[in-house]
Amino acid sequence: MTFADRADAGRQLAEKLLKHAYTRPLVLALPRGGVPVGREVARALKAPLDTLVARKIGAPFNPEWAVGAIAPHDVVILDDDAMKSASVSRLAVEGTIAAERKELTRRINAYRSGSFSAGFIPKTVVVVDDGVATGLTARAALRAARARYPKVRLVFAAPVCIGRSEKELAGEADDIVCLTSPAGFYAVGQAYERFEQVTDDEVLAYLKTASKK
């Protein structure tokens, strides 16, 4: 199963989510790539759209090698197995964690002007990304969402979940909704025909257009 682009993936994901008939949903999309997916989901669910920023912690010698993730509410996840495989200690990633905290804060502030969910009290929170590879960033995001909304039904939704990522998320959310879990894939982008980078300006534009549904 492949998707033309993130908007196509979002529409297909929304179709599946609509079958659950969630009550008073709020969609929290992971920037940047999760936002165009989340916009389509929010439109279909007639829900407010906001961002939930989480950041991957990469190994110092290879930033693409995920060993953990951070999110608001002081959420820090470090994967012992990944750190062992990368021969990385907690001390070695402290600098990376500090740098990612700064970027986390920058993005939260950058996207705040596009937020239209203030004052909305949800009964369901749907955390959306464009796909999951290791699951570390999604886990951090879900823990932050749970900390902010402790009494809601918490849902994680993504068009594609690779490898064991869906199982890794099982204990973090009440529902996990993935459209496809392809064997042999190692990167989320393999499930898309077009998978361009999303900019901060585009994130703000998606948030503003979602508010005008």
N, C-alpha and C. Protein backbone atom coordinates (compact mmCIF):
# COMPACT_ATOMS: atom_id res chain seq x y z
N MET A 1 0.85 -1.20 0.00
CA MET A 1 0.00 0.00 0.00
C MET A 1 0.88 1.24 0.00
N THR A 2 0.72 2.11 -0.98
CA THR A 2 1.46 3.36 -1.04
C THR A 2 0.49 4.54 -1.18
N PHE A 3 0.99 5.72 -0.86
CA PHE A 3 0.17 6.93 -0.89
C PHE A 3 0.77 7.93 -1.87
N ALA A 4 -0.08 8.69 -2.52
CA ALA A 4 0.41 9.69 -3.48
C ALA A 4 1.24 10.75 -2.76
N ASP A 5 0.73 11.22 -1.64
CA ASP A 5 1.42 12.23 -0.83
C ASP A 5 0.79 12.23 0.55
N ARG A 6 1.19 13.17 1.40
CA ARG A 6 0.68 13.19 2.77
C ARG A 6 -0.81 13.51 2.82
N ALA A 7 -1.28 14.36 1.92
CA ALA A 7 -2.71 14.68 1.91
C ALA A 7 -3.54 13.45 1.57
N ASP A 8 -3.09 12.69 0.59
CA ASP A 8 -3.78 11.45 0.22
C ASP A 8 -3.78 10.49 1.40
N ALA A 9 -2.63 10.36 2.07
CA ALA A 9 -2.54 9.48 3.23
C ALA A 9 -3.48 9.94 4.34
N GLY A 10 -3.57 11.26 4.54
CA GLY A 10 -4.45 11.79 5.57
C GLY A 10 -5.91 11.50 5.29
N ARG A 11 -6.30 11.62 4.04
CA ARG A 11 -7.71 11.34 3.69
C ARG A 11 -8.04 9.87 3.92
N GLN A 12 -7.12 8.98 3.54
CA GLN A 12 -7.37 7.55 3.75
C GLN A 12 -7.38 7.21 5.23
N LEU A 13 -6.48 7.83 5.98
CA LEU A 13 -6.45 7.61 7.43
C LEU A 13 -7.74 8.11 8.07
N ALA A 14 -8.22 9.24 7.61
CA ALA A 14 -9.46 9.81 8.15
C ALA A 14 -10.64 8.88 7.94
N GLU A 15 -10.70 8.23 6.78
CA GLU A 15 -11.79 7.29 6.51
C GLU A 15 -11.85 6.19 7.56
N LYS A 16 -10.68 5.70 7.95
CA LYS A 16 -10.64 4.64 8.95
C LYS A 16 -11.00 5.18 10.33
N LEU A 17 -10.53 6.36 10.65
CA LEU A 17 -10.83 6.95 11.96
C LEU A 17 -12.30 7.27 12.11
N LEU A 18 -12.96 7.66 11.04
CA LEU A 18 -14.39 7.98 11.10
C LEU A 18 -15.23 6.80 11.55
N LYS A 19 -14.76 5.60 11.27
CA LYS A 19 -15.51 4.40 11.66
C LYS A 19 -15.57 4.22 13.17
N HIS A 20 -14.65 4.87 13.89
CA HIS A 20 -14.62 4.74 15.35
C HIS A 20 -15.59 5.69 16.05
N ALA A 21 -16.07 6.69 15.34
CA ALA A 21 -17.04 7.65 15.90
C ALA A 21 -16.55 8.22 17.23
N TYR A 22 -15.34 8.76 17.23
CA TYR A 22 -14.78 9.35 18.45
C TYR A 22 -15.55 10.60 18.87
N THR A 23 -15.70 10.76 20.18
CA THR A 23 -16.45 11.89 20.74
C THR A 23 -15.55 13.09 20.97
N ARG A 24 -16.01 14.25 20.52
CA ARG A 24 -15.33 15.53 20.74
C ARG A 24 -13.81 15.41 20.58
N PRO A 25 -13.36 15.11 19.36
CA PRO A 25 -11.92 14.89 19.15
C PRO A 25 -11.13 16.18 18.96
N LEU A 26 -9.88 16.12 19.36
CA LEU A 26 -8.86 17.12 19.06
C LEU A 26 -7.73 16.40 18.35
N VAL A 27 -7.29 16.94 17.23
CA VAL A 27 -6.19 16.33 16.47
C VAL A 27 -4.90 17.08 16.79
N LEU A 28 -3.90 16.35 17.26
CA LEU A 28 -2.57 16.89 17.51
C LEU A 28 -1.61 16.26 16.51
N ALA A 29 -1.08 17.06 15.61
CA ALA A 29 -0.20 16.54 14.56
C ALA A 29 1.26 16.81 14.92
N LEU A 30 2.12 15.83 14.62
CA LEU A 30 3.55 15.98 14.88
C LEU A 30 4.20 16.72 13.72
N PRO A 31 4.77 17.90 14.00
CA PRO A 31 5.44 18.64 12.93
C PRO A 31 6.80 17.99 12.60
N ARG A 32 7.25 18.15 11.37
CA ARG A 32 6.48 18.90 10.42
C ARG A 32 5.60 17.98 9.57
N GLY A 33 6.10 16.80 9.26
CA GLY A 33 5.44 15.93 8.29
C GLY A 33 4.05 15.46 8.67
N GLY A 34 3.77 15.41 9.96
CA GLY A 34 2.45 14.95 10.38
C GLY A 34 1.34 15.97 10.20
N VAL A 35 1.71 17.23 9.96
CA VAL A 35 0.70 18.28 9.91
C VAL A 35 -0.20 18.20 8.67
N PRO A 36 0.35 18.00 7.46
CA PRO A 36 -0.56 17.84 6.32
C PRO A 36 -1.45 16.61 6.43
N VAL A 37 -0.96 15.56 7.07
CA VAL A 37 -1.80 14.38 7.34
C VAL A 37 -2.88 14.75 8.34
N GLY A 38 -2.46 15.41 9.42
CA GLY A 38 -3.40 15.80 10.46
C GLY A 38 -4.48 16.76 9.99
N ARG A 39 -4.12 17.63 9.02
CA ARG A 39 -5.14 18.56 8.52
C ARG A 39 -6.30 17.81 7.88
N GLU A 40 -5.99 16.78 7.10
CA GLU A 40 -7.06 16.01 6.45
C GLU A 40 -7.88 15.25 7.48
N VAL A 41 -7.21 14.73 8.50
CA VAL A 41 -7.92 14.02 9.57
C VAL A 41 -8.84 14.98 10.32
N ALA A 42 -8.32 16.15 10.67
CA ALA A 42 -9.12 17.13 11.40
C ALA A 42 -10.33 17.58 10.60
N ARG A 43 -10.15 17.78 9.31
CA ARG A 43 -11.27 18.18 8.46
C ARG A 43 -12.36 17.11 8.47
N ALA A 44 -11.96 15.86 8.32
CA ALA A 44 -12.94 14.77 8.26
C ALA A 44 -13.66 14.59 9.59
N LEU A 45 -12.91 14.72 10.69
CA LEU A 45 -13.50 14.53 12.02
C LEU A 45 -14.20 15.79 12.53
N LYS A 46 -14.09 16.89 11.74
CA LYS A 46 -14.63 18.19 12.18
C LYS A 46 -14.06 18.57 13.55
N ALA A 47 -12.73 18.43 13.65
CA ALA A 47 -12.04 18.63 14.91
C ALA A 47 -11.03 19.78 14.79
N PRO A 48 -10.72 20.44 15.90
CA PRO A 48 -9.63 21.41 15.88
C PRO A 48 -8.30 20.70 15.60
N LEU A 49 -7.39 21.42 14.97
CA LEU A 49 -6.05 20.90 14.69
C LEU A 49 -5.02 21.75 15.41
N ASP A 50 -4.10 21.08 16.08
CA ASP A 50 -2.98 21.76 16.72
C ASP A 50 -1.74 20.89 16.54
N THR A 51 -0.60 21.42 16.94
CA THR A 51 0.64 20.65 16.83
C THR A 51 1.05 20.10 18.19
N LEU A 52 1.79 19.02 18.16
CA LEU A 52 2.45 18.46 19.34
C LEU A 52 3.88 18.17 18.92
N VAL A 53 4.80 18.99 19.39
CA VAL A 53 6.19 18.89 18.95
C VAL A 53 6.92 17.84 19.77
N ALA A 54 7.56 16.92 19.10
CA ALA A 54 8.46 15.94 19.73
C ALA A 54 9.71 15.87 18.86
N ARG A 55 10.84 15.55 19.47
CA ARG A 55 12.10 15.55 18.74
C ARG A 55 12.86 14.25 18.97
N LYS A 56 13.38 13.71 17.89
CA LYS A 56 14.22 12.51 17.96
C LYS A 56 15.57 12.86 18.57
N ILE A 57 16.11 11.96 19.38
CA ILE A 57 17.48 12.06 19.87
C ILE A 57 18.32 11.09 19.05
N GLY A 58 19.24 11.62 18.26
CA GLY A 58 20.09 10.78 17.43
C GLY A 58 21.42 10.50 18.10
N ALA A 59 22.07 9.43 17.68
CA ALA A 59 23.42 9.13 18.18
C ALA A 59 24.36 10.26 17.78
N PRO A 60 25.30 10.65 18.64
CA PRO A 60 26.19 11.78 18.34
C PRO A 60 26.94 11.64 17.02
N PHE A 61 27.33 10.43 16.66
CA PHE A 61 28.10 10.23 15.43
C PHE A 61 27.22 10.04 14.21
N ASN A 62 25.90 9.84 14.43
CA ASN A 62 24.97 9.64 13.32
C ASN A 62 23.58 10.10 13.77
N PRO A 63 23.23 11.35 13.49
CA PRO A 63 21.95 11.90 13.96
C PRO A 63 20.73 11.14 13.48
N GLU A 64 20.86 10.37 12.39
CA GLU A 64 19.72 9.61 11.88
C GLU A 64 19.49 8.31 12.66
N TRP A 65 20.45 7.92 13.48
CA TRP A 65 20.33 6.70 14.30
C TRP A 65 19.59 7.08 15.58
N ALA A 66 18.33 6.78 15.65
CA ALA A 66 17.51 7.19 16.79
C ALA A 66 17.82 6.36 18.02
N VAL A 67 18.13 7.05 19.11
CA VAL A 67 18.36 6.37 20.39
C VAL A 67 17.38 6.86 21.46
N GLY A 68 16.56 7.83 21.12
CA GLY A 68 15.59 8.35 22.09
C GLY A 68 14.76 9.46 21.49
N ALA A 69 13.98 10.12 22.34
CA ALA A 69 13.14 11.23 21.90
C ALA A 69 12.74 12.06 23.10
N ILE A 70 12.41 13.33 22.83
CA ILE A 70 11.92 14.22 23.87
C ILE A 70 10.62 14.87 23.42
N ALA A 71 9.85 15.36 24.37
CA ALA A 71 8.58 16.03 24.09
C ALA A 71 8.28 16.97 25.26
N PRO A 72 7.27 17.82 25.13
CA PRO A 72 6.91 18.70 26.25
C PRO A 72 6.57 17.92 27.52
N HIS A 73 6.38 18.66 28.60
CA HIS A 73 6.11 18.08 29.92
C HIS A 73 7.30 17.25 30.41
N ASP A 74 8.51 17.67 29.99
CA ASP A 74 9.76 17.04 30.43
C ASP A 74 9.84 15.56 30.09
N VAL A 75 9.21 15.17 29.00
CA VAL A 75 9.27 13.77 28.56
C VAL A 75 10.61 13.50 27.88
N VAL A 76 11.32 12.50 28.39
CA VAL A 76 12.57 12.03 27.79
C VAL A 76 12.52 10.52 27.73
N ILE A 77 12.70 9.96 26.55
CA ILE A 77 12.76 8.51 26.37
C ILE A 77 14.11 8.17 25.78
N LEU A 78 14.83 7.25 26.41
CA LEU A 78 16.07 6.73 25.85
C LEU A 78 15.93 5.22 25.72
N ASP A 79 16.20 4.72 24.55
CA ASP A 79 16.05 3.29 24.26
C ASP A 79 17.36 2.58 24.59
N ASP A 80 17.34 1.78 25.66
CA ASP A 80 18.56 1.11 26.11
C ASP A 80 19.15 0.22 25.02
N ASP A 81 18.30 -0.51 24.31
CA ASP A 81 18.80 -1.41 23.26
C ASP A 81 19.45 -0.62 22.13
N ALA A 82 18.81 0.47 21.73
CA ALA A 82 19.37 1.30 20.65
C ALA A 82 20.68 1.93 21.07
N MET A 83 20.75 2.38 22.32
CA MET A 83 21.98 2.99 22.81
C MET A 83 23.11 1.97 22.91
N LYS A 84 22.75 0.76 23.31
CA LYS A 84 23.75 -0.30 23.38
C LYS A 84 24.27 -0.65 21.99
N SER A 85 23.35 -0.75 21.02
CA SER A 85 23.75 -1.07 19.65
C SER A 85 24.65 0.02 19.07
N ALA A 86 24.38 1.26 19.46
CA ALA A 86 25.17 2.38 18.95
C ALA A 86 26.40 2.66 19.80
N SER A 87 26.57 1.89 20.87
CA SER A 87 27.68 2.10 21.81
C SER A 87 27.69 3.54 22.34
N VAL A 88 26.52 3.98 22.77
CA VAL A 88 26.34 5.36 23.23
C VAL A 88 25.90 5.34 24.70
N SER A 89 26.50 6.20 25.51
CA SER A 89 26.12 6.33 26.91
C SER A 89 25.17 7.51 27.11
N ARG A 90 24.52 7.55 28.26
CA ARG A 90 23.63 8.67 28.58
C ARG A 90 24.42 9.98 28.56
N LEU A 91 25.63 9.95 29.10
CA LEU A 91 26.46 11.15 29.13
C LEU A 91 26.75 11.65 27.71
N ALA A 92 26.94 10.71 26.78
CA ALA A 92 27.29 11.09 25.41
C ALA A 92 26.16 11.81 24.69
N VAL A 93 24.92 11.54 25.10
CA VAL A 93 23.79 12.17 24.40
C VAL A 93 23.25 13.40 25.13
N GLU A 94 23.85 13.76 26.25
CA GLU A 94 23.36 14.93 26.99
C GLU A 94 23.41 16.20 26.14
N GLY A 95 24.48 16.36 25.38
CA GLY A 95 24.59 17.53 24.51
C GLY A 95 23.51 17.55 23.45
N THR A 96 23.22 16.37 22.89
CA THR A 96 22.17 16.27 21.87
C THR A 96 20.81 16.59 22.48
N ILE A 97 20.56 16.08 23.67
CA ILE A 97 19.29 16.36 24.35
C ILE A 97 19.12 17.85 24.58
N ALA A 98 20.19 18.52 25.03
CA ALA A 98 20.13 19.96 25.27
C ALA A 98 19.83 20.73 23.98
N ALA A 99 20.48 20.32 22.89
CA ALA A 99 20.26 20.99 21.60
C ALA A 99 18.83 20.77 21.11
N GLU A 100 18.33 19.55 21.29
CA GLU A 100 16.97 19.26 20.83
C GLU A 100 15.92 19.95 21.69
N ARG A 101 16.22 20.17 22.96
CA ARG A 101 15.30 20.94 23.81
C ARG A 101 15.14 22.37 23.27
N LYS A 102 16.25 22.95 22.83
CA LYS A 102 16.19 24.30 22.25
C LYS A 102 15.34 24.31 20.99
N GLU A 103 15.53 23.30 20.14
CA GLU A 103 14.75 23.22 18.90
C GLU A 103 13.28 22.95 19.21
N LEU A 104 13.04 22.14 20.23
CA LEU A 104 11.66 21.87 20.67
C LEU A 104 10.96 23.18 21.04
N THR A 105 11.64 23.98 21.86
CA THR A 105 11.08 25.26 22.29
C THR A 105 10.88 26.20 21.11
N ARG A 106 11.86 26.22 20.20
CA ARG A 106 11.75 27.10 19.03
C ARG A 106 10.52 26.76 18.20
N ARG A 107 10.31 25.47 17.98
CA ARG A 107 9.18 25.06 17.15
C ARG A 107 7.84 25.31 17.85
N ILE A 108 7.78 25.05 19.13
CA ILE A 108 6.54 25.33 19.88
C ILE A 108 6.18 26.80 19.73
N ASN A 109 7.17 27.68 19.90
CA ASN A 109 6.92 29.11 19.78
C ASN A 109 6.57 29.50 18.34
N ALA A 110 7.22 28.86 17.38
CA ALA A 110 6.98 29.18 15.97
C ALA A 110 5.56 28.84 15.54
N TYR A 111 5.03 27.74 16.06
CA TYR A 111 3.71 27.27 15.63
C TYR A 111 2.57 27.83 16.47
N ARG A 112 2.92 28.52 17.55
CA ARG A 112 1.87 28.98 18.48
C ARG A 112 0.88 29.92 17.80
N SER A 113 1.36 30.74 16.87
CA SER A 113 0.47 31.70 16.21
C SER A 113 -0.57 31.01 15.33
N GLY A 114 -0.30 29.74 14.98
CA GLY A 114 -1.25 29.00 14.16
C GLY A 114 -2.22 28.15 14.96
N SER A 115 -2.10 28.21 16.29
CA SER A 115 -2.94 27.37 17.14
C SER A 115 -4.34 27.96 17.30
N PHE A 116 -5.34 27.13 17.09
CA PHE A 116 -6.73 27.57 17.24
C PHE A 116 -7.51 26.65 18.19
N SER A 117 -6.78 25.89 19.03
CA SER A 117 -7.46 24.94 19.91
C SER A 117 -7.58 25.44 21.35
N ALA A 118 -7.09 26.65 21.62
CA ALA A 118 -7.14 27.17 22.99
C ALA A 118 -8.57 27.21 23.50
N GLY A 119 -8.75 26.68 24.70
CA GLY A 119 -10.08 26.67 25.31
C GLY A 119 -10.93 25.46 24.95
N PHE A 120 -10.50 24.70 23.96
CA PHE A 120 -11.27 23.51 23.56
C PHE A 120 -10.98 22.38 24.54
N ILE A 121 -12.02 21.75 25.05
CA ILE A 121 -11.86 20.64 26.00
C ILE A 121 -12.26 19.35 25.30
N PRO A 122 -11.29 18.53 24.91
CA PRO A 122 -11.60 17.31 24.15
C PRO A 122 -11.98 16.15 25.05
N LYS A 123 -12.68 15.20 24.46
CA LYS A 123 -12.90 13.91 25.10
C LYS A 123 -12.03 12.83 24.46
N THR A 124 -11.57 13.12 23.24
CA THR A 124 -10.66 12.24 22.52
C THR A 124 -9.52 13.08 21.95
N VAL A 125 -8.30 12.61 22.10
CA VAL A 125 -7.15 13.26 21.47
C VAL A 125 -6.53 12.28 20.49
N VAL A 126 -6.44 12.71 19.23
CA VAL A 126 -5.87 11.88 18.17
C VAL A 126 -4.51 12.46 17.79
N VAL A 127 -3.46 11.75 18.12
CA VAL A 127 -2.09 12.16 17.78
C VAL A 127 -1.75 11.56 16.42
N VAL A 128 -1.36 12.42 15.48
CA VAL A 128 -1.18 12.00 14.09
C VAL A 128 0.24 12.29 13.62
N ASP A 129 0.83 11.32 12.92
CA ASP A 129 2.11 11.54 12.24
C ASP A 129 2.01 10.98 10.83
N ASP A 130 3.01 11.28 10.00
CA ASP A 130 2.98 10.77 8.63
C ASP A 130 3.49 9.34 8.53
N GLY A 131 4.01 8.81 9.62
CA GLY A 131 4.48 7.44 9.66
C GLY A 131 5.36 7.21 10.87
N VAL A 132 5.60 5.95 11.17
CA VAL A 132 6.40 5.58 12.33
C VAL A 132 7.45 4.57 11.92
N ALA A 133 8.70 4.84 12.28
CA ALA A 133 9.79 3.90 12.00
C ALA A 133 10.20 3.19 13.30
N THR A 134 10.88 3.91 14.19
CA THR A 134 11.28 3.30 15.46
C THR A 134 10.18 3.39 16.51
N GLY A 135 9.33 4.39 16.41
CA GLY A 135 8.28 4.60 17.40
C GLY A 135 8.69 5.47 18.57
N LEU A 136 9.96 5.87 18.64
CA LEU A 136 10.44 6.63 19.79
C LEU A 136 9.80 8.01 19.87
N THR A 137 9.77 8.73 18.75
CA THR A 137 9.17 10.06 18.75
C THR A 137 7.68 9.99 19.05
N ALA A 138 7.01 9.01 18.48
CA ALA A 138 5.58 8.84 18.73
C ALA A 138 5.31 8.53 20.19
N ARG A 139 6.13 7.68 20.79
CA ARG A 139 5.96 7.35 22.21
C ARG A 139 6.12 8.59 23.08
N ALA A 140 7.13 9.39 22.78
CA ALA A 140 7.34 10.62 23.55
C ALA A 140 6.14 11.56 23.39
N ALA A 141 5.65 11.68 22.17
CA ALA A 141 4.49 12.55 21.92
C ALA A 141 3.27 12.07 22.69
N LEU A 142 3.04 10.77 22.70
CA LEU A 142 1.88 10.23 23.39
C LEU A 142 1.98 10.44 24.90
N ARG A 143 3.17 10.33 25.45
CA ARG A 143 3.33 10.57 26.88
C ARG A 143 3.07 12.04 27.21
N ALA A 144 3.51 12.93 26.33
CA ALA A 144 3.23 14.35 26.53
C ALA A 144 1.74 14.64 26.43
N ALA A 145 1.08 14.01 25.46
CA ALA A 145 -0.36 14.19 25.30
C ALA A 145 -1.11 13.67 26.52
N ARG A 146 -0.67 12.54 27.05
CA ARG A 146 -1.31 11.96 28.24
C ARG A 146 -1.11 12.87 29.45
N ALA A 147 0.07 13.47 29.54
CA ALA A 147 0.33 14.38 30.65
C ALA A 147 -0.56 15.62 30.58
N ARG A 148 -0.81 16.10 29.37
CA ARG A 148 -1.63 17.30 29.20
C ARG A 148 -3.12 16.99 29.29
N TYR A 149 -3.51 15.82 28.80
CA TYR A 149 -4.93 15.43 28.78
C TYR A 149 -5.09 14.05 29.43
N PRO A 150 -5.00 13.98 30.76
CA PRO A 150 -4.96 12.68 31.43
C PRO A 150 -6.25 11.88 31.38
N LYS A 151 -7.39 12.53 31.12
CA LYS A 151 -8.67 11.83 31.22
C LYS A 151 -9.33 11.52 29.87
N VAL A 152 -8.66 11.83 28.78
CA VAL A 152 -9.27 11.63 27.46
C VAL A 152 -8.98 10.22 26.94
N ARG A 153 -9.70 9.85 25.88
CA ARG A 153 -9.33 8.66 25.11
C ARG A 153 -8.20 9.08 24.18
N LEU A 154 -7.06 8.41 24.30
CA LEU A 154 -5.87 8.80 23.54
C LEU A 154 -5.66 7.83 22.38
N VAL A 155 -5.58 8.40 21.18
CA VAL A 155 -5.47 7.61 19.95
C VAL A 155 -4.19 8.02 19.22
N PHE A 156 -3.47 7.05 18.71
CA PHE A 156 -2.37 7.36 17.79
C PHE A 156 -2.74 6.86 16.41
N ALA A 157 -2.53 7.72 15.41
CA ALA A 157 -2.91 7.36 14.04
C ALA A 157 -1.81 7.76 13.07
N ALA A 158 -1.46 6.84 12.17
CA ALA A 158 -0.46 7.11 11.14
C ALA A 158 -0.76 6.24 9.93
N PRO A 159 -0.45 6.72 8.74
CA PRO A 159 -0.69 5.91 7.54
C PRO A 159 0.17 4.66 7.49
N VAL A 160 1.41 4.74 7.99
CA VAL A 160 2.33 3.61 7.87
C VAL A 160 3.09 3.42 9.18
N CYS A 161 3.18 2.17 9.62
CA CYS A 161 3.96 1.80 10.80
C CYS A 161 4.92 0.69 10.40
N ILE A 162 6.20 0.93 10.57
CA ILE A 162 7.24 0.02 10.09
C ILE A 162 7.72 -0.89 11.22
N GLY A 163 7.97 -2.15 10.87
CA GLY A 163 8.56 -3.10 11.81
C GLY A 163 7.73 -3.29 13.06
N ARG A 164 8.39 -3.21 14.22
CA ARG A 164 7.73 -3.43 15.51
C ARG A 164 7.13 -2.15 16.09
N SER A 165 7.14 -1.07 15.32
CA SER A 165 6.74 0.22 15.89
C SER A 165 5.31 0.21 16.43
N GLU A 166 4.41 -0.47 15.73
CA GLU A 166 3.02 -0.50 16.18
C GLU A 166 2.91 -1.20 17.54
N LYS A 167 3.65 -2.29 17.72
CA LYS A 167 3.64 -2.99 19.01
C LYS A 167 4.27 -2.14 20.11
N GLU A 168 5.32 -1.38 19.75
CA GLU A 168 5.99 -0.53 20.73
C GLU A 168 5.05 0.55 21.28
N LEU A 169 4.08 0.95 20.47
CA LEU A 169 3.16 2.02 20.88
C LEU A 169 1.96 1.51 21.67
N ALA A 170 1.76 0.21 21.69
CA ALA A 170 0.53 -0.37 22.24
C ALA A 170 0.25 0.06 23.67
N GLY A 171 1.28 0.20 24.48
CA GLY A 171 1.06 0.57 25.88
C GLY A 171 0.93 2.06 26.12
N GLU A 172 1.08 2.86 25.07
CA GLU A 172 1.08 4.32 25.23
C GLU A 172 -0.26 4.97 24.89
N ALA A 173 -1.11 4.28 24.14
CA ALA A 173 -2.39 4.87 23.70
C ALA A 173 -3.52 3.87 23.89
N ASP A 174 -4.74 4.38 23.93
CA ASP A 174 -5.90 3.50 24.04
C ASP A 174 -6.19 2.80 22.72
N ASP A 175 -5.95 3.50 21.61
CA ASP A 175 -6.14 2.92 20.28
C ASP A 175 -4.94 3.26 19.41
N ILE A 176 -4.53 2.31 18.58
CA ILE A 176 -3.50 2.53 17.56
C ILE A 176 -4.13 2.26 16.21
N VAL A 177 -4.08 3.25 15.32
CA VAL A 177 -4.66 3.10 13.99
C VAL A 177 -3.57 3.30 12.95
N CYS A 178 -3.18 2.22 12.28
CA CYS A 178 -2.20 2.27 11.20
C CYS A 178 -2.82 1.64 9.97
N LEU A 179 -2.66 2.28 8.82
CA LEU A 179 -3.25 1.74 7.60
C LEU A 179 -2.45 0.59 7.03
N THR A 180 -1.12 0.65 7.16
CA THR A 180 -0.29 -0.40 6.58
C THR A 180 0.97 -0.59 7.41
N SER A 181 1.42 -1.83 7.51
CA SER A 181 2.67 -2.17 8.18
C SER A 181 3.49 -3.02 7.22
N PRO A 182 4.11 -2.40 6.22
CA PRO A 182 4.76 -3.14 5.13
C PRO A 182 6.02 -3.87 5.58
N ALA A 183 6.17 -5.10 5.14
CA ALA A 183 7.37 -5.87 5.42
C ALA A 183 8.50 -5.38 4.52
N GLY A 184 9.70 -5.33 5.07
CA GLY A 184 10.85 -4.97 4.27
C GLY A 184 11.12 -3.48 4.14
N PHE A 185 10.22 -2.64 4.65
CA PHE A 185 10.45 -1.20 4.60
C PHE A 185 11.35 -0.79 5.77
N TYR A 186 12.21 0.19 5.55
CA TYR A 186 13.07 0.70 6.61
C TYR A 186 12.89 2.20 6.84
N ALA A 187 12.14 2.86 5.94
CA ALA A 187 11.92 4.31 6.07
C ALA A 187 10.48 4.64 5.69
N VAL A 188 9.91 5.60 6.39
CA VAL A 188 8.52 6.00 6.16
C VAL A 188 8.31 6.47 4.72
N GLY A 189 9.29 7.17 4.17
CA GLY A 189 9.16 7.72 2.83
C GLY A 189 8.94 6.69 1.74
N GLN A 190 9.29 5.44 2.01
CA GLN A 190 9.08 4.38 1.02
C GLN A 190 7.60 4.15 0.73
N ALA A 191 6.74 4.57 1.63
CA ALA A 191 5.30 4.36 1.45
C ALA A 191 4.64 5.50 0.67
N TYR A 192 5.43 6.48 0.26
CA TYR A 192 4.89 7.65 -0.43
C TYR A 192 5.51 7.82 -1.81
N GLU A 193 4.68 8.21 -2.78
CA GLU A 193 5.21 8.57 -4.10
C GLU A 193 5.89 9.93 -4.05
N ARG A 194 5.34 10.85 -3.28
CA ARG A 194 5.94 12.18 -3.07
C ARG A 194 6.07 12.40 -1.57
N PHE A 195 7.29 12.73 -1.15
CA PHE A 195 7.56 12.84 0.29
C PHE A 195 8.53 14.00 0.53
N GLU A 196 8.11 15.20 0.10
CA GLU A 196 8.97 16.36 0.24
C GLU A 196 9.02 16.84 1.69
N GLN A 197 10.09 17.57 2.01
CA GLN A 197 10.20 18.19 3.33
C GLN A 197 9.10 19.24 3.49
N VAL A 198 8.60 19.36 4.70
CA VAL A 198 7.60 20.37 5.04
C VAL A 198 8.29 21.48 5.82
N THR A 199 8.04 22.73 5.47
CA THR A 199 8.69 23.86 6.13
C THR A 199 7.82 24.40 7.28
N ASP A 200 8.43 25.25 8.11
CA ASP A 200 7.67 25.89 9.19
C ASP A 200 6.53 26.74 8.63
N ASP A 201 6.80 27.46 7.55
CA ASP A 201 5.76 28.30 6.95
C ASP A 201 4.59 27.45 6.45
N GLU A 202 4.90 26.28 5.90
CA GLU A 202 3.84 25.39 5.42
C GLU A 202 3.04 24.84 6.59
N VAL A 203 3.70 24.55 7.70
CA VAL A 203 2.99 24.09 8.90
C VAL A 203 1.96 25.13 9.32
N LEU A 204 2.38 26.39 9.39
CA LEU A 204 1.46 27.46 9.78
C LEU A 204 0.31 27.60 8.79
N ALA A 205 0.62 27.44 7.51
CA ALA A 205 -0.44 27.53 6.49
C ALA A 205 -1.45 26.40 6.65
N TYR A 206 -0.97 25.19 6.91
CA TYR A 206 -1.87 24.06 7.13
C TYR A 206 -2.76 24.30 8.34
N LEU A 207 -2.18 24.82 9.42
CA LEU A 207 -2.97 25.08 10.62
C LEU A 207 -4.05 26.12 10.36
N LYS A 208 -3.71 27.16 9.61
CA LYS A 208 -4.68 28.22 9.33
C LYS A 208 -5.79 27.75 8.41
N THR A 209 -5.45 26.95 7.40
CA THR A 209 -6.50 26.45 6.51
C THR A 209 -7.40 25.45 7.22
N ALA A 210 -6.83 24.69 8.16
CA ALA A 210 -7.66 23.75 8.92
C ALA A 210 -8.67 24.50 9.77
N SER A 211 -8.28 25.67 10.27
CA SER A 211 -9.18 26.44 11.14
C SER A 211 -10.36 27.02 10.37
N LYS A 212 -10.26 27.04 9.02
CA LYS A 212 -11.32 27.61 8.19
C LYS A 212 -12.22 26.55 7.58
N LYS A 213 -12.16 25.33 8.10
CA LYS A 213 -12.96 24.24 7.53
C LYS A 213 -14.45 24.57 7.59
